């Protein structure tokens, strides 16, 4: 018998349907972005999960690969700067991928994981200020691929 980690689907979509906004913090800061393939094309059937240590939210991607959340900046963990943990689920992935979102107004260089990365890799982990919101695009592969971590 095959397990979900041995096949790419099909899987039931209960609870994974596209939502306009996954709310971790009602009335909070809007975090939006796109899930993109190696050619900057949208991944239309992906799921992005955010974890801030206390809360989590899930958002499916739309026809343009867009996702959005309402968040609050989490408190930093000891010795780290505030961040969100992100899991990406998509067709063709045998195992979900883990990345991080760091905030642009924090001293991220003091975070040991962030500081241990090459400068070009660090850039893939910092959200950008955009029209009163934060923007964070996730690129699964290619020259500007987002850094993913083992878990």
N, C-alpha and C. Protein backbone atom coordinates (compact mmCIF):
# COMPACT_ATOMS: atom_id res chain seq x y z
N UNK A 1 0.84 -1.17 0.00
CA UNK A 1 0.00 0.00 0.00
C UNK A 1 0.89 1.24 0.00
N UNK A 2 0.58 2.20 -0.84
CA UNK A 2 1.35 3.43 -0.91
C UNK A 2 0.86 4.42 0.13
N UNK A 3 1.80 5.18 0.67
CA UNK A 3 1.45 6.23 1.62
C UNK A 3 1.53 7.57 0.90
N UNK A 4 0.97 8.65 1.46
CA UNK A 4 1.02 9.96 0.82
C UNK A 4 2.44 10.43 0.51
N UNK A 5 3.45 10.00 1.26
CA UNK A 5 4.81 10.43 0.96
C UNK A 5 5.42 9.66 -0.20
N UNK A 6 4.73 8.63 -0.71
CA UNK A 6 5.25 7.85 -1.81
C UNK A 6 4.55 8.14 -3.13
N UNK A 7 3.56 8.95 -3.12
CA UNK A 7 2.83 9.26 -4.34
C UNK A 7 2.48 10.74 -4.36
N UNK A 8 2.16 11.28 -5.52
CA UNK A 8 1.83 12.69 -5.62
C UNK A 8 0.34 12.93 -5.71
N UNK A 9 -0.45 11.94 -5.44
CA UNK A 9 -1.90 12.17 -5.40
C UNK A 9 -2.62 11.29 -6.39
N UNK A 10 -3.90 11.52 -6.58
CA UNK A 10 -4.67 12.68 -6.13
C UNK A 10 -5.03 12.59 -4.65
N UNK A 11 -5.23 13.74 -4.05
CA UNK A 11 -5.63 13.83 -2.66
C UNK A 11 -6.95 14.58 -2.57
N UNK A 12 -7.70 14.33 -1.51
CA UNK A 12 -8.94 15.06 -1.29
C UNK A 12 -8.61 16.51 -0.92
N UNK A 13 -9.44 17.43 -1.33
CA UNK A 13 -9.15 18.85 -1.08
C UNK A 13 -9.96 19.43 0.08
N UNK A 14 -10.51 18.58 0.92
CA UNK A 14 -11.28 19.08 2.05
C UNK A 14 -10.37 19.96 2.92
N UNK A 15 -10.80 21.17 3.18
CA UNK A 15 -10.03 22.09 4.01
C UNK A 15 -8.90 22.78 3.28
N UNK A 16 -8.70 22.48 2.01
CA UNK A 16 -7.59 23.08 1.27
C UNK A 16 -8.08 24.03 0.19
N UNK A 17 -9.35 24.27 0.11
CA UNK A 17 -9.89 25.14 -0.93
C UNK A 17 -9.38 26.57 -0.76
N UNK A 18 -9.30 27.28 -1.86
CA UNK A 18 -8.82 28.66 -1.87
C UNK A 18 -9.70 29.53 -0.98
N UNK A 19 -9.05 30.31 -0.13
CA UNK A 19 -9.72 31.30 0.69
C UNK A 19 -9.06 32.64 0.39
N UNK A 20 -9.81 33.73 0.52
CA UNK A 20 -9.25 35.04 0.25
C UNK A 20 -8.21 35.45 1.27
N UNK A 21 -8.35 35.02 2.49
CA UNK A 21 -7.45 35.46 3.55
C UNK A 21 -7.50 34.47 4.69
N UNK A 22 -6.36 33.98 5.09
CA UNK A 22 -6.30 33.14 6.28
C UNK A 22 -5.93 34.06 7.43
N UNK A 23 -6.71 34.04 8.47
CA UNK A 23 -6.57 35.01 9.55
C UNK A 23 -5.84 34.39 10.73
N UNK A 24 -4.61 34.85 10.98
CA UNK A 24 -3.89 34.50 12.19
C UNK A 24 -4.12 35.56 13.25
N UNK A 25 -4.37 36.80 12.80
CA UNK A 25 -4.61 37.92 13.71
C UNK A 25 -5.69 38.81 13.10
N UNK A 26 -6.92 38.77 13.60
CA UNK A 26 -7.98 39.62 13.05
C UNK A 26 -7.56 41.09 13.06
N UNK A 27 -7.75 41.77 11.94
CA UNK A 27 -7.39 43.17 11.82
C UNK A 27 -5.89 43.40 11.77
N UNK A 28 -5.12 42.35 11.57
CA UNK A 28 -3.67 42.45 11.58
C UNK A 28 -3.08 42.95 10.27
N UNK A 29 -1.82 42.80 10.15
CA UNK A 29 -1.06 43.19 8.97
C UNK A 29 -1.31 42.20 7.85
N UNK A 30 -1.51 42.70 6.65
CA UNK A 30 -1.74 41.82 5.50
C UNK A 30 -0.39 41.34 4.95
N UNK A 31 -0.26 40.03 4.79
CA UNK A 31 0.89 39.41 4.14
C UNK A 31 0.36 38.73 2.90
N UNK A 32 0.90 39.09 1.75
CA UNK A 32 0.42 38.51 0.49
C UNK A 32 1.61 38.15 -0.38
N UNK A 33 1.38 37.24 -1.30
CA UNK A 33 2.45 36.83 -2.19
C UNK A 33 1.94 35.87 -3.24
N UNK A 34 2.90 35.30 -3.96
CA UNK A 34 2.58 34.32 -4.99
C UNK A 34 3.49 33.11 -4.82
N UNK A 35 2.95 31.96 -5.15
CA UNK A 35 3.71 30.72 -5.20
C UNK A 35 4.04 30.48 -6.66
N UNK A 36 5.36 30.43 -6.96
CA UNK A 36 5.80 30.42 -8.36
C UNK A 36 6.70 29.22 -8.65
N UNK A 37 6.65 28.77 -9.91
CA UNK A 37 7.53 27.68 -10.34
C UNK A 37 8.87 28.27 -10.80
N UNK A 38 9.72 27.44 -11.37
CA UNK A 38 11.05 27.86 -11.78
C UNK A 38 11.09 28.85 -12.92
N UNK A 39 9.98 29.01 -13.63
CA UNK A 39 9.90 29.97 -14.74
C UNK A 39 9.03 31.17 -14.37
N UNK A 40 8.82 31.39 -13.08
CA UNK A 40 7.98 32.46 -12.55
C UNK A 40 6.51 32.32 -12.94
N UNK A 41 6.09 31.11 -13.29
CA UNK A 41 4.69 30.83 -13.55
C UNK A 41 3.97 30.49 -12.26
N UNK A 42 2.67 30.79 -12.18
CA UNK A 42 1.93 30.52 -10.94
C UNK A 42 1.74 29.03 -10.69
N UNK A 43 1.82 28.65 -9.44
CA UNK A 43 1.43 27.31 -9.02
C UNK A 43 0.01 27.48 -8.50
N UNK A 44 -0.93 26.97 -9.27
CA UNK A 44 -2.34 27.29 -9.05
C UNK A 44 -3.05 26.40 -8.04
N UNK A 45 -2.43 25.31 -7.66
CA UNK A 45 -3.10 24.38 -6.75
C UNK A 45 -2.23 24.10 -5.52
N UNK A 46 -1.45 25.10 -5.12
CA UNK A 46 -0.60 24.95 -3.95
C UNK A 46 -1.33 25.35 -2.68
N UNK A 47 -0.74 25.02 -1.56
CA UNK A 47 -1.24 25.42 -0.25
C UNK A 47 -0.06 25.96 0.53
N UNK A 48 -0.25 27.12 1.15
CA UNK A 48 0.77 27.75 1.97
C UNK A 48 0.25 27.79 3.41
N UNK A 49 1.05 27.30 4.34
CA UNK A 49 0.72 27.37 5.76
C UNK A 49 1.72 28.27 6.46
N UNK A 50 1.22 29.12 7.33
CA UNK A 50 2.07 29.98 8.16
C UNK A 50 1.93 29.56 9.61
N UNK A 51 3.04 29.58 10.32
CA UNK A 51 3.07 29.29 11.75
C UNK A 51 3.85 30.40 12.43
N UNK A 52 3.31 30.98 13.50
CA UNK A 52 4.04 32.03 14.21
C UNK A 52 4.44 31.59 15.63
N UNK A 53 4.31 30.32 15.93
CA UNK A 53 4.64 29.81 17.25
C UNK A 53 3.42 29.57 18.09
N UNK A 54 2.40 30.41 17.97
CA UNK A 54 1.16 30.25 18.73
C UNK A 54 -0.03 29.95 17.84
N UNK A 55 -0.01 30.48 16.64
CA UNK A 55 -1.15 30.34 15.72
C UNK A 55 -0.65 29.84 14.37
N UNK A 56 -1.60 29.34 13.59
CA UNK A 56 -1.28 28.95 12.23
C UNK A 56 -2.46 29.25 11.33
N UNK A 57 -2.18 29.38 10.06
CA UNK A 57 -3.21 29.59 9.06
C UNK A 57 -2.83 28.90 7.77
N UNK A 58 -3.83 28.64 6.97
CA UNK A 58 -3.61 27.94 5.70
C UNK A 58 -4.36 28.68 4.61
N UNK A 59 -3.73 28.80 3.45
CA UNK A 59 -4.36 29.45 2.31
C UNK A 59 -3.98 28.71 1.04
N UNK A 60 -4.96 28.35 0.25
CA UNK A 60 -4.71 27.78 -1.06
C UNK A 60 -4.41 28.89 -2.05
N UNK A 61 -3.70 28.56 -3.11
CA UNK A 61 -3.37 29.55 -4.13
C UNK A 61 -4.47 29.63 -5.17
N UNK A 62 -4.57 30.79 -5.82
CA UNK A 62 -5.59 30.98 -6.85
C UNK A 62 -4.99 30.79 -8.24
N UNK A 63 -5.70 31.19 -9.28
CA UNK A 63 -5.26 31.00 -10.66
C UNK A 63 -3.99 31.77 -11.01
N UNK A 64 -3.62 32.75 -10.18
CA UNK A 64 -2.38 33.50 -10.38
C UNK A 64 -1.30 33.09 -9.37
N UNK A 65 -1.59 32.05 -8.60
CA UNK A 65 -0.64 31.59 -7.59
C UNK A 65 -0.64 32.44 -6.33
N UNK A 66 -1.63 33.31 -6.18
CA UNK A 66 -1.67 34.23 -5.03
C UNK A 66 -2.18 33.56 -3.76
N UNK A 67 -1.64 34.03 -2.64
CA UNK A 67 -2.12 33.67 -1.31
C UNK A 67 -2.07 34.93 -0.45
N UNK A 68 -2.83 34.94 0.65
CA UNK A 68 -2.85 36.11 1.54
C UNK A 68 -3.23 35.69 2.94
N UNK A 69 -2.65 36.40 3.92
CA UNK A 69 -2.91 36.14 5.33
C UNK A 69 -3.06 37.46 6.07
N UNK A 70 -3.75 37.44 7.18
CA UNK A 70 -3.77 38.54 8.14
C UNK A 70 -2.95 38.07 9.33
N UNK A 71 -1.86 38.80 9.63
CA UNK A 71 -0.91 38.33 10.64
C UNK A 71 -0.61 39.42 11.66
N UNK A 72 0.02 39.03 12.73
CA UNK A 72 0.67 39.93 13.68
C UNK A 72 2.11 39.46 13.76
N UNK A 73 3.03 40.40 13.91
CA UNK A 73 4.43 40.00 14.04
C UNK A 73 4.58 39.21 15.34
N UNK A 74 5.13 38.00 15.26
CA UNK A 74 5.29 37.20 16.48
C UNK A 74 6.43 37.72 17.35
N UNK A 75 6.37 37.38 18.60
CA UNK A 75 7.48 37.69 19.50
C UNK A 75 8.69 36.85 19.08
N UNK A 76 9.87 37.40 19.23
CA UNK A 76 11.05 36.62 18.85
C UNK A 76 11.28 35.46 19.81
N UNK A 77 11.77 34.37 19.29
CA UNK A 77 12.19 33.26 20.14
C UNK A 77 13.55 33.63 20.73
N UNK A 78 13.94 33.04 21.84
CA UNK A 78 15.22 33.41 22.46
C UNK A 78 16.39 33.31 21.47
N UNK A 79 17.15 34.40 21.35
CA UNK A 79 18.32 34.44 20.49
C UNK A 79 18.02 34.61 19.01
N UNK A 80 16.75 34.83 18.65
CA UNK A 80 16.37 34.95 17.25
C UNK A 80 15.60 36.25 17.03
N UNK A 81 15.39 36.61 15.76
CA UNK A 81 14.53 37.73 15.44
C UNK A 81 13.14 37.19 15.09
N UNK A 82 12.10 38.04 15.14
CA UNK A 82 10.76 37.56 14.79
C UNK A 82 10.73 36.98 13.37
N UNK A 83 9.98 35.90 13.23
CA UNK A 83 9.85 35.27 11.92
C UNK A 83 8.59 34.43 11.89
N UNK A 84 8.20 34.07 10.70
CA UNK A 84 7.12 33.12 10.48
C UNK A 84 7.72 31.88 9.83
N UNK A 85 7.26 30.72 10.24
CA UNK A 85 7.63 29.48 9.55
C UNK A 85 6.57 29.20 8.50
N UNK A 86 7.01 28.74 7.34
CA UNK A 86 6.12 28.55 6.20
C UNK A 86 6.29 27.14 5.65
N UNK A 87 5.18 26.45 5.50
CA UNK A 87 5.18 25.15 4.83
C UNK A 87 4.47 25.30 3.49
N UNK A 88 5.05 24.71 2.46
CA UNK A 88 4.48 24.77 1.11
C UNK A 88 4.13 23.35 0.68
N UNK A 89 2.89 23.19 0.24
CA UNK A 89 2.39 21.92 -0.29
C UNK A 89 1.98 22.18 -1.73
N UNK A 90 2.36 21.29 -2.63
CA UNK A 90 1.98 21.47 -4.04
C UNK A 90 2.10 20.14 -4.77
N UNK A 91 1.39 20.06 -5.87
CA UNK A 91 1.45 18.88 -6.72
C UNK A 91 2.90 18.64 -7.15
N UNK A 92 3.32 17.40 -7.12
CA UNK A 92 4.67 17.06 -7.53
C UNK A 92 5.67 17.04 -6.38
N UNK A 93 5.31 17.60 -5.24
CA UNK A 93 6.19 17.53 -4.08
C UNK A 93 5.90 16.25 -3.32
N UNK A 94 6.90 15.45 -3.12
CA UNK A 94 6.68 14.23 -2.34
C UNK A 94 6.64 14.54 -0.85
N UNK A 95 7.20 15.68 -0.49
CA UNK A 95 7.19 16.11 0.91
C UNK A 95 7.08 17.63 0.93
N UNK A 96 6.30 18.16 1.85
CA UNK A 96 6.14 19.61 1.93
C UNK A 96 7.50 20.27 2.21
N UNK A 97 7.61 21.53 1.82
CA UNK A 97 8.85 22.29 1.97
C UNK A 97 8.70 23.32 3.09
N UNK A 98 9.79 23.59 3.79
CA UNK A 98 9.81 24.52 4.90
C UNK A 98 10.71 25.70 4.58
N UNK A 99 10.20 26.90 4.76
CA UNK A 99 11.01 28.10 4.65
C UNK A 99 10.62 29.05 5.78
N UNK A 100 11.18 30.23 5.77
CA UNK A 100 10.91 31.24 6.80
C UNK A 100 10.63 32.57 6.14
N UNK A 101 9.86 33.40 6.86
CA UNK A 101 9.66 34.79 6.46
C UNK A 101 10.20 35.66 7.59
N UNK A 102 11.18 36.48 7.24
CA UNK A 102 11.70 37.47 8.18
C UNK A 102 11.10 38.83 7.84
N UNK A 103 11.06 39.71 8.82
CA UNK A 103 10.44 41.02 8.65
C UNK A 103 11.48 42.06 8.25
N UNK A 104 11.12 42.98 7.35
CA UNK A 104 12.12 43.94 6.82
C UNK A 104 12.58 44.98 7.83
N UNK A 105 11.85 45.17 8.91
CA UNK A 105 12.21 46.21 9.89
C UNK A 105 12.89 45.63 11.14
N UNK A 106 13.43 44.45 11.04
CA UNK A 106 14.09 43.80 12.17
C UNK A 106 15.59 43.64 11.89
N UNK A 107 16.42 43.55 12.95
CA UNK A 107 17.86 43.31 12.77
C UNK A 107 18.12 41.83 12.50
N UNK A 108 17.71 41.36 11.33
CA UNK A 108 17.75 39.93 11.00
C UNK A 108 19.15 39.34 11.03
N UNK A 109 20.18 40.18 10.87
CA UNK A 109 21.56 39.69 10.89
C UNK A 109 21.93 39.09 12.25
N UNK A 110 21.14 39.41 13.28
CA UNK A 110 21.42 38.86 14.62
C UNK A 110 20.82 37.47 14.80
N UNK A 111 19.98 37.05 13.85
CA UNK A 111 19.39 35.71 13.91
C UNK A 111 20.43 34.71 13.41
N UNK A 112 20.74 33.66 14.19
CA UNK A 112 21.82 32.75 13.78
C UNK A 112 21.57 32.01 12.47
N UNK A 113 20.36 31.62 12.19
CA UNK A 113 20.08 30.92 10.93
C UNK A 113 20.23 31.89 9.75
N UNK A 114 19.62 33.05 9.88
CA UNK A 114 19.72 34.08 8.83
C UNK A 114 21.17 34.47 8.58
N UNK A 115 21.91 34.71 9.66
CA UNK A 115 23.30 35.14 9.54
C UNK A 115 24.18 34.08 8.88
N UNK A 116 23.80 32.82 9.00
CA UNK A 116 24.59 31.74 8.42
C UNK A 116 24.40 31.53 6.94
N UNK A 117 23.51 32.29 6.32
CA UNK A 117 23.24 32.15 4.90
C UNK A 117 24.04 33.14 4.07
N UNK A 118 24.22 32.81 2.81
CA UNK A 118 24.84 33.74 1.86
C UNK A 118 23.90 34.92 1.65
N UNK A 119 24.45 36.13 1.38
CA UNK A 119 23.59 37.31 1.19
C UNK A 119 22.48 37.12 0.16
N UNK A 120 22.76 36.49 -0.96
CA UNK A 120 21.72 36.29 -1.98
C UNK A 120 20.60 35.38 -1.46
N UNK A 121 20.95 34.41 -0.63
CA UNK A 121 19.94 33.52 -0.06
C UNK A 121 19.11 34.24 1.00
N UNK A 122 19.74 35.12 1.76
CA UNK A 122 19.01 35.89 2.77
C UNK A 122 17.89 36.70 2.13
N UNK A 123 18.17 37.27 0.97
CA UNK A 123 17.18 38.11 0.28
C UNK A 123 15.89 37.36 0.00
N UNK A 124 15.97 36.04 -0.19
CA UNK A 124 14.77 35.27 -0.52
C UNK A 124 13.87 35.06 0.68
N UNK A 125 14.34 35.43 1.88
CA UNK A 125 13.59 35.16 3.10
C UNK A 125 12.99 36.39 3.76
N UNK A 126 13.22 37.57 3.20
CA UNK A 126 12.73 38.80 3.83
C UNK A 126 11.54 39.34 3.04
N UNK A 127 10.43 39.53 3.73
CA UNK A 127 9.25 40.13 3.10
C UNK A 127 9.56 41.58 2.75
N UNK A 128 8.87 42.10 1.74
CA UNK A 128 9.05 43.49 1.32
C UNK A 128 7.81 44.30 1.66
N UNK A 129 8.02 45.56 2.03
CA UNK A 129 6.90 46.47 2.24
C UNK A 129 6.30 46.82 0.87
N UNK A 130 4.98 46.74 0.76
CA UNK A 130 4.32 47.05 -0.51
C UNK A 130 2.90 47.52 -0.25
N UNK A 131 2.65 48.78 -0.51
CA UNK A 131 1.30 49.35 -0.39
C UNK A 131 0.63 49.04 0.95
N UNK A 132 1.35 49.26 2.03
CA UNK A 132 0.78 49.06 3.36
C UNK A 132 0.68 47.62 3.80
N UNK A 133 1.23 46.71 3.02
CA UNK A 133 1.21 45.29 3.34
C UNK A 133 2.63 44.75 3.22
N UNK A 134 2.78 43.48 3.52
CA UNK A 134 4.04 42.79 3.28
C UNK A 134 3.85 41.85 2.11
N UNK A 135 4.87 41.79 1.25
CA UNK A 135 4.82 40.89 0.10
C UNK A 135 5.94 39.87 0.24
N UNK A 136 5.58 38.60 0.02
CA UNK A 136 6.55 37.52 0.08
C UNK A 136 6.21 36.50 -0.99
N UNK A 137 6.98 36.50 -2.06
CA UNK A 137 6.79 35.51 -3.12
C UNK A 137 7.67 34.30 -2.82
N UNK A 138 7.13 33.12 -3.10
CA UNK A 138 7.85 31.87 -2.88
C UNK A 138 8.14 31.27 -4.25
N UNK A 139 9.42 31.17 -4.57
CA UNK A 139 9.86 30.57 -5.85
C UNK A 139 10.41 29.18 -5.54
N UNK A 140 9.80 28.18 -6.13
CA UNK A 140 10.14 26.80 -5.80
C UNK A 140 11.48 26.36 -6.39
N UNK A 141 11.91 26.97 -7.48
CA UNK A 141 13.19 26.62 -8.08
C UNK A 141 13.64 27.74 -9.00
N UNK A 142 14.81 27.58 -9.60
CA UNK A 142 15.32 28.59 -10.50
C UNK A 142 16.39 29.45 -9.85
N UNK A 143 16.84 30.47 -10.60
CA UNK A 143 17.93 31.33 -10.14
C UNK A 143 17.59 32.08 -8.86
N UNK A 144 16.35 32.46 -8.69
CA UNK A 144 15.95 33.23 -7.50
C UNK A 144 15.10 32.39 -6.55
N UNK A 145 15.38 31.09 -6.50
CA UNK A 145 14.58 30.18 -5.67
C UNK A 145 14.67 30.58 -4.20
N UNK A 146 13.55 30.45 -3.53
CA UNK A 146 13.48 30.66 -2.09
C UNK A 146 14.32 29.58 -1.39
N UNK A 147 14.97 29.96 -0.31
CA UNK A 147 15.72 29.00 0.48
C UNK A 147 14.74 28.13 1.27
N UNK A 148 14.94 26.81 1.20
CA UNK A 148 14.14 25.87 1.97
C UNK A 148 15.05 25.16 2.94
N UNK A 149 14.48 24.73 4.07
CA UNK A 149 15.24 24.11 5.16
C UNK A 149 14.82 22.67 5.34
N UNK A 150 15.74 21.85 5.83
CA UNK A 150 15.39 20.46 6.19
C UNK A 150 14.53 20.50 7.43
N UNK A 151 13.64 19.53 7.52
CA UNK A 151 12.78 19.44 8.71
C UNK A 151 12.48 18.00 9.00
